[in-house]
């Protein structure tokens, strides 16, 4: 049964699912129990997966979807570099 009141998931839903854990993995958000889940290698993996999605869907998504993903990746990459020092 499709989520969202009968609507099928879309491209931005996929982006959101892939991006959701990154704040936790970068240590920018705490788990519900107050613990940190910082794991920079896994954060990098999720960022890289978003980049694969960007590459594989180039030219097949709307301009708005392209812009949102590009902006998200730029922000996440910057935050990763700040956290990792790389």
C-alpha atoms as a PDB file:
ATOM      1  CA  UNK A   1       0.000   0.000   0.000  1.00  0.00           C
ATOM      2  CA  UNK A   2       1.550   3.342  -1.008  1.00  0.00           C
ATOM      3  CA  UNK A   3       2.358   5.812   1.782  1.00  0.00           C
ATOM      4  CA  UNK A   4       1.287   9.458   1.822  1.00  0.00           C
ATOM      5  CA  UNK A   5      -2.438   8.910   1.615  1.00  0.00           C
ATOM      6  CA  UNK A   6      -2.302   6.827  -1.558  1.00  0.00           C
ATOM      7  CA  UNK A   7       0.501   8.621  -3.379  1.00  0.00           C
ATOM      8  CA  UNK A   8       3.484   6.633  -4.572  1.00  0.00           C
ATOM      9  CA  UNK A   9       6.868   7.709  -3.240  1.00  0.00           C
ATOM     10  CA  UNK A  10       8.825  10.045  -5.487  1.00  0.00           C
ATOM     11  CA  UNK A  11      12.383  11.109  -6.120  1.00  0.00           C
ATOM     12  CA  UNK A  12      12.465  13.558  -3.204  1.00  0.00           C
ATOM     13  CA  UNK A  13      11.240  10.796  -0.866  1.00  0.00           C
ATOM     14  CA  UNK A  14      14.232   8.696  -1.917  1.00  0.00           C
ATOM     15  CA  UNK A  15      16.585  11.629  -1.346  1.00  0.00           C
ATOM     16  CA  UNK A  16      15.067  12.175   2.106  1.00  0.00           C
ATOM     17  CA  UNK A  17      15.463   8.510   3.083  1.00  0.00           C
ATOM     18  CA  UNK A  18      19.126   8.518   2.050  1.00  0.00           C
ATOM     19  CA  UNK A  19      19.843  11.875   3.731  1.00  0.00           C
ATOM     20  CA  UNK A  20      17.915  11.289   6.968  1.00  0.00           C
ATOM     21  CA  UNK A  21      20.644   9.503   8.960  1.00  0.00           C
ATOM     22  CA  UNK A  22      23.440  11.864   7.925  1.00  0.00           C
ATOM     23  CA  UNK A  23      22.821  14.443  10.686  1.00  0.00           C
ATOM     24  CA  UNK A  24      23.101  11.652  13.254  1.00  0.00           C
ATOM     25  CA  UNK A  25      26.174  10.140  11.597  1.00  0.00           C
ATOM     26  CA  UNK A  26      27.893  13.537  11.497  1.00  0.00           C
ATOM     27  CA  UNK A  27      27.138  13.953  15.204  1.00  0.00           C
ATOM     28  CA  UNK A  28      24.948  16.993  14.563  1.00  0.00           C
ATOM     29  CA  UNK A  29      21.861  15.346  16.050  1.00  0.00           C
ATOM     30  CA  UNK A  30      21.466  13.117  19.068  1.00  0.00           C
ATOM     31  CA  UNK A  31      19.584   9.865  19.226  1.00  0.00           C
ATOM     32  CA  UNK A  32      16.333   9.862  21.234  1.00  0.00           C
ATOM     33  CA  UNK A  33      18.256   8.516  24.246  1.00  0.00           C
ATOM     34  CA  UNK A  34      20.637  11.491  24.090  1.00  0.00           C
ATOM     35  CA  UNK A  35      23.588   9.477  22.815  1.00  0.00           C
ATOM     36  CA  UNK A  36      25.711  10.430  19.843  1.00  0.00           C
ATOM     37  CA  UNK A  37      25.794   8.206  16.771  1.00  0.00           C
ATOM     38  CA  UNK A  38      28.717   9.980  15.109  1.00  0.00           C
ATOM     39  CA  UNK A  39      30.256   7.716  12.507  1.00  0.00           C
ATOM     40  CA  UNK A  40      32.064   9.750   9.857  1.00  0.00           C
ATOM     41  CA  UNK A  41      32.827   6.829   7.512  1.00  0.00           C
ATOM     42  CA  UNK A  42      29.129   5.912   7.385  1.00  0.00           C
ATOM     43  CA  UNK A  43      28.203   9.588   6.933  1.00  0.00           C
ATOM     44  CA  UNK A  44      30.569   9.685   3.955  1.00  0.00           C
ATOM     45  CA  UNK A  45      28.935   6.537   2.550  1.00  0.00           C
ATOM     46  CA  UNK A  46      25.478   8.137   2.690  1.00  0.00           C
ATOM     47  CA  UNK A  47      26.787  11.334   1.075  1.00  0.00           C
ATOM     48  CA  UNK A  48      28.448   9.265  -1.650  1.00  0.00           C
ATOM     49  CA  UNK A  49      25.201   7.344  -2.224  1.00  0.00           C
ATOM     50  CA  UNK A  50      23.392  10.639  -2.781  1.00  0.00           C
ATOM     51  CA  UNK A  51      26.115  11.564  -5.287  1.00  0.00           C
ATOM     52  CA  UNK A  52      25.573   8.254  -7.112  1.00  0.00           C
ATOM     53  CA  UNK A  53      21.853   8.998  -7.224  1.00  0.00           C
ATOM     54  CA  UNK A  54      22.622  12.448  -8.621  1.00  0.00           C
ATOM     55  CA  UNK A  55      24.864  11.028 -11.327  1.00  0.00           C
ATOM     56  CA  UNK A  56      22.537   8.199 -12.330  1.00  0.00           C
ATOM     57  CA  UNK A  57      19.467  10.444 -12.546  1.00  0.00           C
ATOM     58  CA  UNK A  58      21.140  13.382 -14.320  1.00  0.00           C
ATOM     59  CA  UNK A  59      18.807  14.619 -17.038  1.00  0.00           C
ATOM     60  CA  UNK A  60      15.926  12.473 -15.799  1.00  0.00           C
ATOM     61  CA  UNK A  61      14.615  14.594 -12.923  1.00  0.00           C
ATOM     62  CA  UNK A  62      13.081  18.052 -12.806  1.00  0.00           C
ATOM     63  CA  UNK A  63      15.158  21.215 -12.489  1.00  0.00           C
ATOM     64  CA  UNK A  64      13.763  21.698  -8.989  1.00  0.00           C
ATOM     65  CA  UNK A  65      14.739  18.170  -7.936  1.00  0.00           C
ATOM     66  CA  UNK A  66      18.196  18.667  -9.435  1.00  0.00           C
ATOM     67  CA  UNK A  67      18.651  21.964  -7.573  1.00  0.00           C
ATOM     68  CA  UNK A  68      17.488  20.521  -4.243  1.00  0.00           C
ATOM     69  CA  UNK A  69      19.858  17.558  -4.516  1.00  0.00           C
ATOM     70  CA  UNK A  70      22.792  19.755  -5.580  1.00  0.00           C
ATOM     71  CA  UNK A  71      22.211  22.125  -2.670  1.00  0.00           C
ATOM     72  CA  UNK A  72      21.824  19.263  -0.202  1.00  0.00           C
ATOM     73  CA  UNK A  73      25.028  17.611  -1.394  1.00  0.00           C
ATOM     74  CA  UNK A  74      26.971  20.879  -1.174  1.00  0.00           C
ATOM     75  CA  UNK A  75      25.807  21.443   2.396  1.00  0.00           C
ATOM     76  CA  UNK A  76      26.498  17.872   3.473  1.00  0.00           C
ATOM     77  CA  UNK A  77      29.940  17.810   1.883  1.00  0.00           C
ATOM     78  CA  UNK A  78      30.850  21.092   3.592  1.00  0.00           C
ATOM     79  CA  UNK A  79      29.661  19.781   6.945  1.00  0.00           C
ATOM     80  CA  UNK A  80      31.564  16.524   6.466  1.00  0.00           C
ATOM     81  CA  UNK A  81      34.771  18.420   5.708  1.00  0.00           C
ATOM     82  CA  UNK A  82      34.262  20.579   8.824  1.00  0.00           C
ATOM     83  CA  UNK A  83      33.793  17.478  10.980  1.00  0.00           C
ATOM     84  CA  UNK A  84      36.516  15.327   9.477  1.00  0.00           C
ATOM     85  CA  UNK A  85      39.121  17.972   8.747  1.00  0.00           C
ATOM     86  CA  UNK A  86      39.476  16.611   5.181  1.00  0.00           C
END
